[in-house]
Amino acid sequence: MAEYQFERDARTPYSEAYTIEESGDAVGRVDIHFTLPGIVQATLCVPADFDEDEIQDLIGEIDERLVLTTDPDRDDFVVTVWRGSQAGVYSEDEEEEEDEEEEDAESGGNGRSPA
């Protein structure tokens, strides 16, 4: 059985997002949502080569180490699993956006490329 570590990326009053690591390498991600009282939903993203047993083991770890520590009286834990490869992490940098707006204002442009 693999030893997983969970690094929290984000937290709100009703949800948490974690990067899942194994031996120091990121192998997946889980977003957990504490919805109605007693119901927890999650989206789990794992590599394409994860088999059913690995997925079930990981769901068990998530339930035991992340969900039950937050909501020990939960009635149901529903997990949607996505198997595939990471396409990337995208972010719109505000500073970059402001620089583009300043350049457009200086050149009289509208921020769009010519057709």
PDB file of N, CA and C in Angstrom:
ATOM      1  N   MET A   1       0.845  -1.192   0.000  1.00  0.00           N
ATOM      2  CA  MET A   1       0.000   0.000   0.000  1.00  0.00           C
ATOM      3  C   MET A   1       0.886   1.249   0.000  1.00  0.00           C
ATOM      4  N   ALA A   2       0.564   2.181  -0.860  1.00  0.00           N
ATOM      5  CA  ALA A   2       1.343   3.415  -0.984  1.00  0.00           C
ATOM      6  C   ALA A   2       1.142   4.307   0.237  1.00  0.00           C
ATOM      7  N   GLU A   3       2.172   5.104   0.526  1.00  0.00           N
ATOM      8  CA  GLU A   3       2.067   6.087   1.604  1.00  0.00           C
ATOM      9  C   GLU A   3       1.845   7.447   0.956  1.00  0.00           C
ATOM     10  N   TYR A   4       0.675   8.006   1.189  1.00  0.00           N
ATOM     11  CA  TYR A   4       0.325   9.290   0.594  1.00  0.00           C
ATOM     12  C   TYR A   4       0.477  10.410   1.609  1.00  0.00           C
ATOM     13  N   GLN A   5       0.885  11.563   1.104  1.00  0.00           N
ATOM     14  CA  GLN A   5       0.899  12.783   1.896  1.00  0.00           C
ATOM     15  C   GLN A   5      -0.078  13.743   1.217  1.00  0.00           C
ATOM     16  N   PHE A   6      -0.720  14.568   2.029  1.00  0.00           N
ATOM     17  CA  PHE A   6      -1.690  15.521   1.508  1.00  0.00           C
ATOM     18  C   PHE A   6      -1.235  16.930   1.853  1.00  0.00           C
ATOM     19  N   GLU A   7      -1.026  17.738   0.828  1.00  0.00           N
ATOM     20  CA  GLU A   7      -0.607  19.132   1.004  1.00  0.00           C
ATOM     21  C   GLU A   7      -1.800  20.024   0.657  1.00  0.00           C
ATOM     22  N   ARG A   8      -2.322  20.726   1.667  1.00  0.00           N
ATOM     23  CA  ARG A   8      -3.488  21.565   1.424  1.00  0.00           C
ATOM     24  C   ARG A   8      -3.100  22.776   0.565  1.00  0.00           C
ATOM     25  N   ASP A   9      -3.856  22.976  -0.512  1.00  0.00           N
ATOM     26  CA  ASP A   9      -3.648  24.097  -1.430  1.00  0.00           C
ATOM     27  C   ASP A   9      -4.598  25.246  -1.133  1.00  0.00           C
ATOM     28  N   ALA A  10      -5.820  24.912  -0.720  1.00  0.00           N
ATOM     29  CA  ALA A  10      -6.831  25.948  -0.492  1.00  0.00           C
ATOM     30  C   ALA A  10      -7.831  25.457   0.537  1.00  0.00           C
ATOM     31  N   ARG A  11      -8.458  26.448   1.203  1.00  0.00           N
ATOM     32  CA  ARG A  11      -9.479  26.111   2.198  1.00  0.00           C
ATOM     33  C   ARG A  11     -10.494  27.236   2.250  1.00  0.00           C
ATOM     34  N   THR A  12     -11.759  26.866   2.264  1.00  0.00           N
ATOM     35  CA  THR A  12     -12.853  27.806   2.470  1.00  0.00           C
ATOM     36  C   THR A  12     -13.667  27.255   3.633  1.00  0.00           C
ATOM     37  N   PRO A  13     -14.706  27.958   4.065  1.00  0.00           N
ATOM     38  CA  PRO A  13     -15.506  27.403   5.171  1.00  0.00           C
ATOM     39  C   PRO A  13     -16.146  26.047   4.854  1.00  0.00           C
ATOM     40  N   TYR A  14     -16.338  25.740   3.555  1.00  0.00           N
ATOM     41  CA  TYR A  14     -17.052  24.508   3.203  1.00  0.00           C
ATOM     42  C   TYR A  14     -16.293  23.592   2.260  1.00  0.00           C
ATOM     43  N   SER A  15     -15.025  23.893   1.977  1.00  0.00           N
ATOM     44  CA  SER A  15     -14.279  23.021   1.075  1.00  0.00           C
ATOM     45  C   SER A  15     -12.787  23.121   1.331  1.00  0.00           C
ATOM     46  N   GLU A  16     -12.077  22.102   0.832  1.00  0.00           N
ATOM     47  CA  GLU A  16     -10.626  22.071   0.917  1.00  0.00           C
ATOM     48  C   GLU A  16     -10.097  21.425  -0.352  1.00  0.00           C
ATOM     49  N   ALA A  17      -8.898  21.847  -0.779  1.00  0.00           N
ATOM     50  CA  ALA A  17      -8.260  21.265  -1.955  1.00  0.00           C
ATOM     51  C   ALA A  17      -6.858  20.823  -1.566  1.00  0.00           C
ATOM     52  N   TYR A  18      -6.476  19.621  -1.984  1.00  0.00           N
ATOM     53  CA  TYR A  18      -5.192  19.049  -1.621  1.00  0.00           C
ATOM     54  C   TYR A  18      -4.469  18.505  -2.845  1.00  0.00           C
ATOM     55  N   THR A  19      -3.154  18.677  -2.856  1.00  0.00           N
ATOM     56  CA  THR A  19      -2.299  17.947  -3.777  1.00  0.00           C
ATOM     57  C   THR A  19      -1.940  16.653  -3.066  1.00  0.00           C
ATOM     58  N   ILE A  20      -2.000  15.546  -3.795  1.00  0.00           N
ATOM     59  CA  ILE A  20      -1.677  14.237  -3.228  1.00  0.00           C
ATOM     60  C   ILE A  20      -0.264  13.879  -3.683  1.00  0.00           C
ATOM     61  N   GLU A  21       0.594  13.560  -2.719  1.00  0.00           N
ATOM     62  CA  GLU A  21       1.982  13.227  -3.024  1.00  0.00           C
ATOM     63  C   GLU A  21       2.297  11.814  -2.566  1.00  0.00           C
ATOM     64  N   GLU A  22       3.185  11.186  -3.329  1.00  0.00           N
ATOM     65  CA  GLU A  22       3.706   9.870  -2.968  1.00  0.00           C
ATOM     66  C   GLU A  22       5.212   9.927  -3.200  1.00  0.00           C
ATOM     67  N   SER A  23       5.995   9.655  -2.176  1.00  0.00           N
ATOM     68  CA  SER A  23       7.460   9.723  -2.251  1.00  0.00           C
ATOM     69  C   SER A  23       7.942  11.083  -2.755  1.00  0.00           C
ATOM     70  N   GLY A  24       7.246  12.148  -2.358  1.00  0.00           N
ATOM     71  CA  GLY A  24       7.643  13.497  -2.728  1.00  0.00           C
ATOM     72  C   GLY A  24       7.175  13.965  -4.088  1.00  0.00           C
ATOM     73  N   ASP A  25       6.534  13.093  -4.858  1.00  0.00           N
ATOM     74  CA  ASP A  25       6.038  13.456  -6.190  1.00  0.00           C
ATOM     75  C   ASP A  25       4.523  13.637  -6.159  1.00  0.00           C
ATOM     76  N   ALA A  26       4.043  14.686  -6.826  1.00  0.00           N
ATOM     77  CA  ALA A  26       2.601  14.901  -6.924  1.00  0.00           C
ATOM     78  C   ALA A  26       2.006  13.820  -7.825  1.00  0.00           C
ATOM     79  N   VAL A  27       1.002  13.111  -7.304  1.00  0.00           N
ATOM     80  CA  VAL A  27       0.362  12.048  -8.082  1.00  0.00           C
ATOM     81  C   VAL A  27      -1.125  12.298  -8.296  1.00  0.00           C
ATOM     82  N   GLY A  28      -1.661  13.341  -7.679  1.00  0.00           N
ATOM     83  CA  GLY A  28      -3.086  13.583  -7.861  1.00  0.00           C
ATOM     84  C   GLY A  28      -3.543  14.802  -7.093  1.00  0.00           C
ATOM     85  N   ARG A  29      -4.854  14.969  -7.115  1.00  0.00           N
ATOM     86  CA  ARG A  29      -5.477  16.103  -6.442  1.00  0.00           C
ATOM     87  C   ARG A  29      -6.863  15.675  -5.969  1.00  0.00           C
ATOM     88  N   VAL A  30      -7.264  16.229  -4.831  1.00  0.00           N
ATOM     89  CA  VAL A  30      -8.623  15.989  -4.353  1.00  0.00           C
ATOM     90  C   VAL A  30      -9.208  17.303  -3.866  1.00  0.00           C
ATOM     91  N   ASP A  31     -10.430  17.578  -4.299  1.00  0.00           N
ATOM     92  CA  ASP A  31     -11.207  18.720  -3.830  1.00  0.00           C
ATOM     93  C   ASP A  31     -12.361  18.149  -3.019  1.00  0.00           C
ATOM     94  N   ILE A  32     -12.466  18.568  -1.773  1.00  0.00           N
ATOM     95  CA  ILE A  32     -13.475  18.031  -0.852  1.00  0.00           C
ATOM     96  C   ILE A  32     -14.461  19.138  -0.514  1.00  0.00           C
ATOM     97  N   HIS A  33     -15.758  18.803  -0.608  1.00  0.00           N
ATOM     98  CA  HIS A  33     -16.809  19.786  -0.343  1.00  0.00           C
ATOM     99  C   HIS A  33     -17.748  19.245   0.731  1.00  0.00           C
ATOM    100  N   PHE A  34     -17.853  20.001   1.809  1.00  0.00           N
ATOM    101  CA  PHE A  34     -18.733  19.649   2.917  1.00  0.00           C
ATOM    102  C   PHE A  34     -20.054  20.353   2.632  1.00  0.00           C
ATOM    103  N   THR A  35     -21.000  19.622   2.043  1.00  0.00           N
ATOM    104  CA  THR A  35     -22.242  20.230   1.558  1.00  0.00           C
ATOM    105  C   THR A  35     -23.312  20.193   2.633  1.00  0.00           C
ATOM    106  N   LEU A  36     -24.339  19.430   2.405  1.00  0.00           N
ATOM    107  CA  LEU A  36     -25.419  19.308   3.387  1.00  0.00           C
ATOM    108  C   LEU A  36     -24.890  18.645   4.656  1.00  0.00           C
ATOM    109  N   PRO A  37     -25.531  18.894   5.778  1.00  0.00           N
ATOM    110  CA  PRO A  37     -25.067  18.220   7.000  1.00  0.00           C
ATOM    111  C   PRO A  37     -24.995  16.705   6.794  1.00  0.00           C
ATOM    112  N   GLY A  38     -23.819  16.152   7.080  1.00  0.00           N
ATOM    113  CA  GLY A  38     -23.650  14.704   6.995  1.00  0.00           C
ATOM    114  C   GLY A  38     -23.268  14.191   5.625  1.00  0.00           C
ATOM    115  N   ILE A  39     -23.191  15.063   4.615  1.00  0.00           N
ATOM    116  CA  ILE A  39     -22.839  14.617   3.273  1.00  0.00           C
ATOM    117  C   ILE A  39     -21.571  15.338   2.818  1.00  0.00           C
ATOM    118  N   VAL A  40     -20.597  14.559   2.384  1.00  0.00           N
ATOM    119  CA  VAL A  40     -19.338  15.102   1.886  1.00  0.00           C
ATOM    120  C   VAL A  40     -19.152  14.607   0.461  1.00  0.00           C
ATOM    121  N   GLN A  41     -18.820  15.527  -0.437  1.00  0.00           N
ATOM    122  CA  GLN A  41     -18.573  15.166  -1.832  1.00  0.00           C
ATOM    123  C   GLN A  41     -17.146  15.525  -2.180  1.00  0.00           C
ATOM    124  N   ALA A  42     -16.538  14.743  -3.073  1.00  0.00           N
ATOM    125  CA  ALA A  42     -15.161  15.005  -3.470  1.00  0.00           C
ATOM    126  C   ALA A  42     -14.973  14.717  -4.942  1.00  0.00           C
ATOM    127  N   THR A  43     -14.017  15.414  -5.524  1.00  0.00           N
ATOM    128  CA  THR A  43     -13.546  15.119  -6.874  1.00  0.00           C
ATOM    129  C   THR A  43     -12.091  14.716  -6.728  1.00  0.00           C
ATOM    130  N   LEU A  44     -11.776  13.525  -7.191  1.00  0.00           N
ATOM    131  CA  LEU A  44     -10.434  12.966  -7.074  1.00  0.00           C
ATOM    132  C   LEU A  44      -9.854  12.791  -8.470  1.00  0.00           C
ATOM    133  N   CYS A  45      -8.673  13.353  -8.692  1.00  0.00           N
ATOM    134  CA  CYS A  45      -7.975  13.213  -9.971  1.00  0.00           C
ATOM    135  C   CYS A  45      -6.712  12.397  -9.731  1.00  0.00           C
ATOM    136  N   VAL A  46      -6.574  11.295 -10.480  1.00  0.00           N
ATOM    137  CA  VAL A  46      -5.435  10.395 -10.333  1.00  0.00           C
ATOM    138  C   VAL A  46      -4.831  10.109 -11.703  1.00  0.00           C
ATOM    139  N   PRO A  47      -3.592   9.602 -11.730  1.00  0.00           N
ATOM    140  CA  PRO A  47      -2.968   9.257 -13.012  1.00  0.00           C
ATOM    141  C   PRO A  47      -3.733   8.154 -13.747  1.00  0.00           C
ATOM    142  N   ALA A  48      -3.556   8.118 -15.053  1.00  0.00           N
ATOM    143  CA  ALA A  48      -4.257   7.145 -15.901  1.00  0.00           C
ATOM    144  C   ALA A  48      -3.913   5.705 -15.542  1.00  0.00           C
ATOM    145  N   ASP A  49      -2.714   5.470 -14.972  1.00  0.00           N
ATOM    146  CA  ASP A  49      -2.313   4.098 -14.672  1.00  0.00           C
ATOM    147  C   ASP A  49      -2.760   3.605 -13.299  1.00  0.00           C
ATOM    148  N   PHE A  50      -3.489   4.413 -12.542  1.00  0.00           N
ATOM    149  CA  PHE A  50      -4.026   3.943 -11.255  1.00  0.00           C
ATOM    150  C   PHE A  50      -5.082   2.876 -11.534  1.00  0.00           C
ATOM    151  N   ASP A  51      -4.984   1.737 -10.841  1.00  0.00           N
ATOM    152  CA  ASP A  51      -6.007   0.713 -11.010  1.00  0.00           C
ATOM    153  C   ASP A  51      -7.089   0.864  -9.929  1.00  0.00           C
ATOM    154  N   GLU A  52      -8.104   0.042 -10.007  1.00  0.00           N
ATOM    155  CA  GLU A  52      -9.249   0.143  -9.102  1.00  0.00           C
ATOM    156  C   GLU A  52      -8.837  -0.011  -7.640  1.00  0.00           C
ATOM    157  N   ASP A  53      -7.924  -0.935  -7.346  1.00  0.00           N
ATOM    158  CA  ASP A  53      -7.479  -1.133  -5.959  1.00  0.00           C
ATOM    159  C   ASP A  53      -6.759   0.104  -5.423  1.00  0.00           C
ATOM    160  N   GLU A  54      -5.911   0.720  -6.262  1.00  0.00           N
ATOM    161  CA  GLU A  54      -5.199   1.928  -5.835  1.00  0.00           C
ATOM    162  C   GLU A  54      -6.182   3.075  -5.569  1.00  0.00           C
ATOM    163  N   ILE A  55      -7.192   3.188  -6.413  1.00  0.00           N
ATOM    164  CA  ILE A  55      -8.206   4.226  -6.226  1.00  0.00           C
ATOM    165  C   ILE A  55      -8.961   4.001  -4.924  1.00  0.00           C
ATOM    166  N   GLN A  56      -9.379   2.763  -4.671  1.00  0.00           N
ATOM    167  CA  GLN A  56     -10.114   2.449  -3.441  1.00  0.00           C
ATOM    168  C   GLN A  56      -9.253   2.709  -2.204  1.00  0.00           C
ATOM    169  N   ASP A  57      -7.963   2.334  -2.268  1.00  0.00           N
ATOM    170  CA  ASP A  57      -7.058   2.591  -1.137  1.00  0.00           C
ATOM    171  C   ASP A  57      -6.924   4.088  -0.894  1.00  0.00           C
ATOM    172  N   LEU A  58      -6.775   4.864  -1.962  1.00  0.00           N
ATOM    173  CA  LEU A  58      -6.615   6.309  -1.823  1.00  0.00           C
ATOM    174  C   LEU A  58      -7.886   6.945  -1.277  1.00  0.00           C
ATOM    175  N   ILE A  59      -9.043   6.511  -1.741  1.00  0.00           N
ATOM    176  CA  ILE A  59     -10.309   7.032  -1.206  1.00  0.00           C
ATOM    177  C   ILE A  59     -10.404   6.733   0.295  1.00  0.00           C
ATOM    178  N   GLY A  60      -9.996   5.545   0.695  1.00  0.00           N
ATOM    179  CA  GLY A  60      -9.994   5.186   2.118  1.00  0.00           C
ATOM    180  C   GLY A  60      -9.083   6.095   2.936  1.00  0.00           C
ATOM    181  N   GLU A  61      -7.900   6.398   2.393  1.00  0.00           N
ATOM    182  CA  GLU A  61      -6.972   7.310   3.071  1.00  0.00           C
ATOM    183  C   GLU A  61      -7.566   8.711   3.194  1.00  0.00           C
ATOM    184  N   ILE A  62      -8.177   9.186   2.120  1.00  0.00           N
ATOM    185  CA  ILE A  62      -8.791  10.516   2.139  1.00  0.00           C
ATOM    186  C   ILE A  62      -9.905  10.568   3.173  1.00  0.00           C
ATOM    187  N   ASP A  63     -10.731   9.534   3.192  1.00  0.00           N
ATOM    188  CA  ASP A  63     -11.834   9.484   4.148  1.00  0.00           C
ATOM    189  C   ASP A  63     -11.307   9.491   5.580  1.00  0.00           C
ATOM    190  N   GLU A  64     -10.348   8.624   5.837  1.00  0.00           N
ATOM    191  CA  GLU A  64      -9.833   8.481   7.194  1.00  0.00           C
ATOM    192  C   GLU A  64      -9.032   9.700   7.665  1.00  0.00           C
ATOM    193  N   ARG A  65      -8.173  10.215   6.794  1.00  0.00           N
ATOM    194  CA  ARG A  65      -7.244  11.262   7.229  1.00  0.00           C
ATOM    195  C   ARG A  65      -7.747  12.693   7.016  1.00  0.00           C
ATOM    196  N   LEU A  66      -8.667  12.894   6.075  1.00  0.00           N
ATOM    197  CA  LEU A  66      -9.120  14.253   5.781  1.00  0.00           C
ATOM    198  C   LEU A  66     -10.588  14.495   6.095  1.00  0.00           C
ATOM    199  N   VAL A  67     -11.447  13.559   5.712  1.00  0.00           N
ATOM    200  CA  VAL A  67     -12.884  13.780   5.880  1.00  0.00           C
ATOM    201  C   VAL A  67     -13.331  13.525   7.315  1.00  0.00           C
ATOM    202  N   LEU A  68     -13.016  12.360   7.854  1.00  0.00           N
ATOM    203  CA  LEU A  68     -13.500  12.016   9.195  1.00  0.00           C
ATOM    204  C   LEU A  68     -12.905  12.907  10.283  1.00  0.00           C
ATOM    205  N   THR A  69     -11.733  13.486  10.043  1.00  0.00           N
ATOM    206  CA  THR A  69     -11.163  14.396  11.039  1.00  0.00           C
ATOM    207  C   THR A  69     -11.914  15.725  11.055  1.00  0.00           C
ATOM    208  N   THR A  70     -12.577  16.061   9.945  1.00  0.00           N
ATOM    209  CA  THR A  70     -13.341  17.305   9.862  1.00  0.00           C
ATOM    210  C   THR A  70     -14.818  17.079  10.166  1.00  0.00           C
ATOM    211  N   ASP A  71     -15.373  15.976   9.671  1.00  0.00           N
ATOM    212  CA  ASP A  71     -16.794  15.682   9.857  1.00  0.00           C
ATOM    213  C   ASP A  71     -16.949  14.225  10.302  1.00  0.00           C
ATOM    214  N   PRO A  72     -16.682  13.944  11.595  1.00  0.00           N
ATOM    215  CA  PRO A  72     -16.710  12.554  12.065  1.00  0.00           C
ATOM    216  C   PRO A  72     -18.095  11.908  12.033  1.00  0.00           C
ATOM    217  N   ASP A  73     -19.135  12.704  11.927  1.00  0.00           N
ATOM    218  CA  ASP A  73     -20.489  12.151  11.925  1.00  0.00           C
ATOM    219  C   ASP A  73     -21.093  12.081  10.528  1.00  0.00           C
ATOM    220  N   ARG A  74     -20.265  12.159   9.511  1.00  0.00           N
ATOM    221  CA  ARG A  74     -20.804  12.179   8.149  1.00  0.00           C
ATOM    222  C   ARG A  74     -21.559  10.885   7.852  1.00  0.00           C
ATOM    223  N   ASP A  75     -22.659  11.027   7.083  1.00  0.00           N
ATOM    224  CA  ASP A  75     -23.472   9.868   6.701  1.00  0.00           C
ATOM    225  C   ASP A  75     -23.027   9.287   5.371  1.00  0.00           C
ATOM    226  N   ASP A  76     -22.552  10.141   4.463  1.00  0.00           N
ATOM    227  CA  ASP A  76     -22.198   9.676   3.133  1.00  0.00           C
ATOM    228  C   ASP A  76     -20.988  10.436   2.618  1.00  0.00           C
ATOM    229  N   PHE A  77     -20.132   9.742   1.887  1.00  0.00           N
ATOM    230  CA  PHE A  77     -18.959  10.325   1.255  1.00  0.00           C
ATOM    231  C   PHE A  77     -18.998   9.896  -0.203  1.00  0.00           C
ATOM    232  N   VAL A  78     -19.309  10.836  -1.083  1.00  0.00           N
ATOM    233  CA  VAL A  78     -19.468  10.565  -2.509  1.00  0.00           C
ATOM    234  C   VAL A  78     -18.246  11.106  -3.240  1.00  0.00           C
ATOM    235  N   VAL A  79     -17.551  10.245  -3.987  1.00  0.00           N
ATOM    236  CA  VAL A  79     -16.326  10.641  -4.669  1.00  0.00           C
ATOM    237  C   VAL A  79     -16.474  10.408  -6.173  1.00  0.00           C
ATOM    238  N   THR A  80     -16.233  11.459  -6.937  1.00  0.00           N
ATOM    239  CA  THR A  80     -16.160  11.350  -8.390  1.00  0.00           C
ATOM    240  C   THR A  80     -14.689  11.263  -8.748  1.00  0.00           C
ATOM    241  N   VAL A  81     -14.306  10.232  -9.494  1.00  0.00           N
ATOM    242  CA  VAL A  81     -12.898  10.003  -9.815  1.00  0.00           C
ATOM    243  C   VAL A  81     -12.648  10.281 -11.293  1.00  0.00           C
ATOM    244  N   TRP A  82     -11.591  11.055 -11.555  1.00  0.00           N
ATOM    245  CA  TRP A  82     -11.117  11.330 -12.904  1.00  0.00           C
ATOM    246  C   TRP A  82      -9.736  10.699 -13.033  1.00  0.00           C
ATOM    247  N   ARG A  83      -9.561   9.878 -14.079  1.00  0.00           N
ATOM    248  CA  ARG A  83      -8.269   9.248 -14.340  1.00  0.00           C
ATOM    249  C   ARG A  83      -7.692   9.837 -15.620  1.00  0.00           C
ATOM    250  N   GLY A  84      -6.459  10.322 -15.547  1.00  0.00           N
ATOM    251  CA  GLY A  84      -5.859  10.901 -16.745  1.00  0.00           C
ATOM    252  C   GLY A  84      -4.515  11.511 -16.437  1.00  0.00           C
ATOM    253  N   SER A  85      -4.133  12.499 -17.250  1.00  0.00           N
ATOM    254  CA  SER A  85      -2.853  13.166 -17.047  1.00  0.00           C
ATOM    255  C   SER A  85      -3.075  14.659 -16.869  1.00  0.00           C
ATOM    256  N   GLN A  86      -2.165  15.287 -16.146  1.00  0.00           N
ATOM    257  CA  GLN A  86      -2.275  16.717 -15.892  1.00  0.00           C
ATOM    258  C   GLN A  86      -1.893  17.476 -17.154  1.00  0.00           C
ATOM    259  N   ALA A  87      -2.727  18.407 -17.537  1.00  0.00           N
ATOM    260  CA  ALA A  87      -2.449  19.239 -18.707  1.00  0.00           C
ATOM    261  C   ALA A  87      -1.646  20.470 -18.320  1.00  0.00           C
ATOM    262  N   GLY A  88      -1.696  20.853 -17.054  1.00  0.00           N
ATOM    263  CA  GLY A  88      -0.959  22.021 -16.597  1.00  0.00           C
ATOM    264  C   GLY A  88      -1.711  22.727 -15.499  1.00  0.00           C
ATOM    265  N   VAL A  89      -1.079  23.754 -14.957  1.00  0.00           N
ATOM    266  CA  VAL A  89      -1.700  24.610 -13.959  1.00  0.00           C
ATOM    267  C   VAL A  89      -1.691  26.008 -14.554  1.00  0.00           C
ATOM    268  N   TYR A  90      -2.849  26.597 -14.683  1.00  0.00           N
ATOM    269  CA  TYR A  90      -2.970  27.885 -15.345  1.00  0.00           C
ATOM    270  C   TYR A  90      -3.361  28.951 -14.330  1.00  0.00           C
ATOM    271  N   SER A  91      -2.801  30.149 -14.503  1.00  0.00           N
ATOM    272  CA  SER A  91      -3.105  31.259 -13.625  1.00  0.00           C
ATOM    273  C   SER A  91      -3.028  32.536 -14.438  1.00  0.00           C
ATOM    274  N   GLU A  92      -3.941  33.437 -14.199  1.00  0.00           N
ATOM    275  CA  GLU A  92      -3.904  34.748 -14.837  1.00  0.00           C
ATOM    276  C   GLU A  92      -3.287  35.695 -13.835  1.00  0.00           C
ATOM    277  N   ASP A  93      -2.065  36.125 -14.106  1.00  0.00           N
ATOM    278  CA  ASP A  93      -1.320  37.005 -13.221  1.00  0.00           C
ATOM    279  C   ASP A  93      -1.858  38.421 -13.349  1.00  0.00           C
ATOM    280  N   GLU A  94      -2.353  38.997 -12.234  1.00  0.00           N
ATOM    281  CA  GLU A  94      -2.920  40.348 -12.260  1.00  0.00           C
ATOM    282  C   GLU A  94      -1.909  41.373 -12.744  1.00  0.00           C
ATOM    283  N   GLU A  95      -0.649  41.243 -12.312  1.00  0.00           N
ATOM    284  CA  GLU A  95       0.373  42.196 -12.721  1.00  0.00           C
ATOM    285  C   GLU A  95       0.568  42.146 -14.236  1.00  0.00           C
ATOM    286  N   GLU A  96       0.597  40.942 -14.791  1.00  0.00           N
ATOM    287  CA  GLU A  96       0.733  40.778 -16.237  1.00  0.00           C
ATOM    288  C   GLU A  96      -0.455  41.415 -16.947  1.00  0.00           C
ATOM    289  N   GLU A  97      -1.651  41.205 -16.394  1.00  0.00           N
ATOM    290  CA  GLU A  97      -2.872  41.767 -16.969  1.00  0.00           C
ATOM    291  C   GLU A  97      -2.810  43.304 -16.948  1.00  0.00           C
ATOM    292  N   GLU A  98      -2.344  43.891 -15.833  1.00  0.00           N
ATOM    293  CA  GLU A  98      -2.233  45.341 -15.720  1.00  0.00           C
ATOM    294  C   GLU A  98      -1.218  45.887 -16.722  1.00  0.00           C
ATOM    295  N   ASP A  99      -0.089  45.182 -16.913  1.00  0.00           N
ATOM    296  CA  ASP A  99       0.917  45.607 -17.880  1.00  0.00           C
ATOM    297  C   ASP A  99       0.330  45.638 -19.286  1.00  0.00           C
ATOM    298  N   GLU A 100      -0.447  44.613 -19.635  1.00  0.00           N
ATOM    299  CA  GLU A 100      -1.065  44.564 -20.953  1.00  0.00           C
ATOM    300  C   GLU A 100      -2.055  45.708 -21.133  1.00  0.00           C
ATOM    301  N   GLU A 101      -2.826  46.011 -20.084  1.00  0.00           N
ATOM    302  CA  GLU A 101      -3.790  47.107 -20.162  1.00  0.00           C
ATOM    303  C   GLU A 101      -3.077  48.437 -20.348  1.00  0.00           C
ATOM    304  N   GLU A 102      -1.942  48.637 -19.639  1.00  0.00           N
ATOM    305  CA  GLU A 102      -1.172  49.874 -19.785  1.00  0.00           C
ATOM    306  C   GLU A 102      -0.621  49.992 -21.204  1.00  0.00           C
ATOM    307  N   GLU A 103      -0.103  48.892 -21.761  1.00  0.00           N
ATOM    308  CA  GLU A 103       0.425  48.914 -23.119  1.00  0.00           C
ATOM    309  C   GLU A 103      -0.675  49.261 -24.115  1.00  0.00           C
ATOM    310  N   ASP A 104      -1.866  48.693 -23.908  1.00  0.00           N
ATOM    311  CA  ASP A 104      -2.993  48.972 -24.788  1.00  0.00           C
ATOM    312  C   ASP A 104      -3.392  50.436 -24.711  1.00  0.00           C
ATOM    313  N   ALA A 105      -3.408  50.983 -23.500  1.00  0.00           N
ATOM    314  CA  ALA A 105      -3.798  52.384 -23.317  1.00  0.00           C
ATOM    315  C   ALA A 105      -2.775  53.309 -24.009  1.00  0.00           C
ATOM    316  N   GLU A 106      -1.487  52.961 -23.881  1.00  0.00           N
ATOM    317  CA  GLU A 106      -0.451  53.775 -24.500  1.00  0.00           C
ATOM    318  C   GLU A 106      -0.494  53.722 -26.015  1.00  0.00           C
ATOM    319  N   SER A 107      -0.849  52.551 -26.557  1.00  0.00           N
ATOM    320  CA  SER A 107      -0.858  52.398 -28.010  1.00  0.00           C
ATOM    321  C   SER A 107      -2.216  52.696 -28.616  1.00  0.00           C
ATOM    322  N   GLY A 108      -3.191  52.944 -27.770  1.00  0.00           N
ATOM    323  CA  GLY A 108      -4.551  53.211 -28.269  1.00  0.00           C
ATOM    324  C   GLY A 108      -5.256  51.940 -28.686  1.00  0.00           C
ATOM    325  N   GLY A 109      -4.688  50.801 -28.331  1.00  0.00           N
ATOM    326  CA  GLY A 109      -5.280  49.513 -28.718  1.00  0.00           C
ATOM    327  C   GLY A 109      -6.419  49.124 -27.791  1.00  0.00           C
ATOM    328  N   ASN A 110      -7.119  48.077 -28.195  1.00  0.00           N
ATOM    329  CA  ASN A 110      -8.237  47.578 -27.416  1.00  0.00           C
ATOM    330  C   ASN A 110      -7.914  46.258 -26.722  1.00  0.00           C
ATOM    331  N   GLY A 111      -6.657  45.839 -26.747  1.00  0.00           N
ATOM    332  CA  GLY A 111      -6.290  44.601 -26.075  1.00  0.00           C
ATOM    333  C   GLY A 111      -6.487  43.372 -26.932  1.00  0.00           C
ATOM    334  N   ARG A 112      -6.953  43.555 -28.149  1.00  0.00           N
ATOM    335  CA  ARG A 112      -7.205  42.417 -29.031  1.00  0.00           C
ATOM    336  C   ARG A 112      -6.160  42.388 -30.129  1.00  0.00           C
ATOM    337  N   SER A 113      -5.863  41.212 -30.582  1.00  0.00           N
ATOM    338  CA  SER A 113      -4.935  41.085 -31.696  1.00  0.00           C
ATOM    339  C   SER A 113      -5.656  41.425 -32.981  1.00  0.00           C
ATOM    340  N   PRO A 114      -4.937  41.983 -33.953  1.00  0.00           N
ATOM    341  CA  PRO A 114      -5.590  42.293 -35.224  1.00  0.00           C
ATOM    342  C   PRO A 114      -6.054  41.014 -35.896  1.00  0.00           C
ATOM    343  N   ALA A 115      -7.165  41.103 -36.589  1.00  0.00           N
ATOM    344  CA  ALA A 115      -7.733  39.921 -37.246  1.00  0.00           C
ATOM    345  C   ALA A 115      -7.060  39.633 -38.547  1.00  0.00           C
TER     346      ALA A 115
END
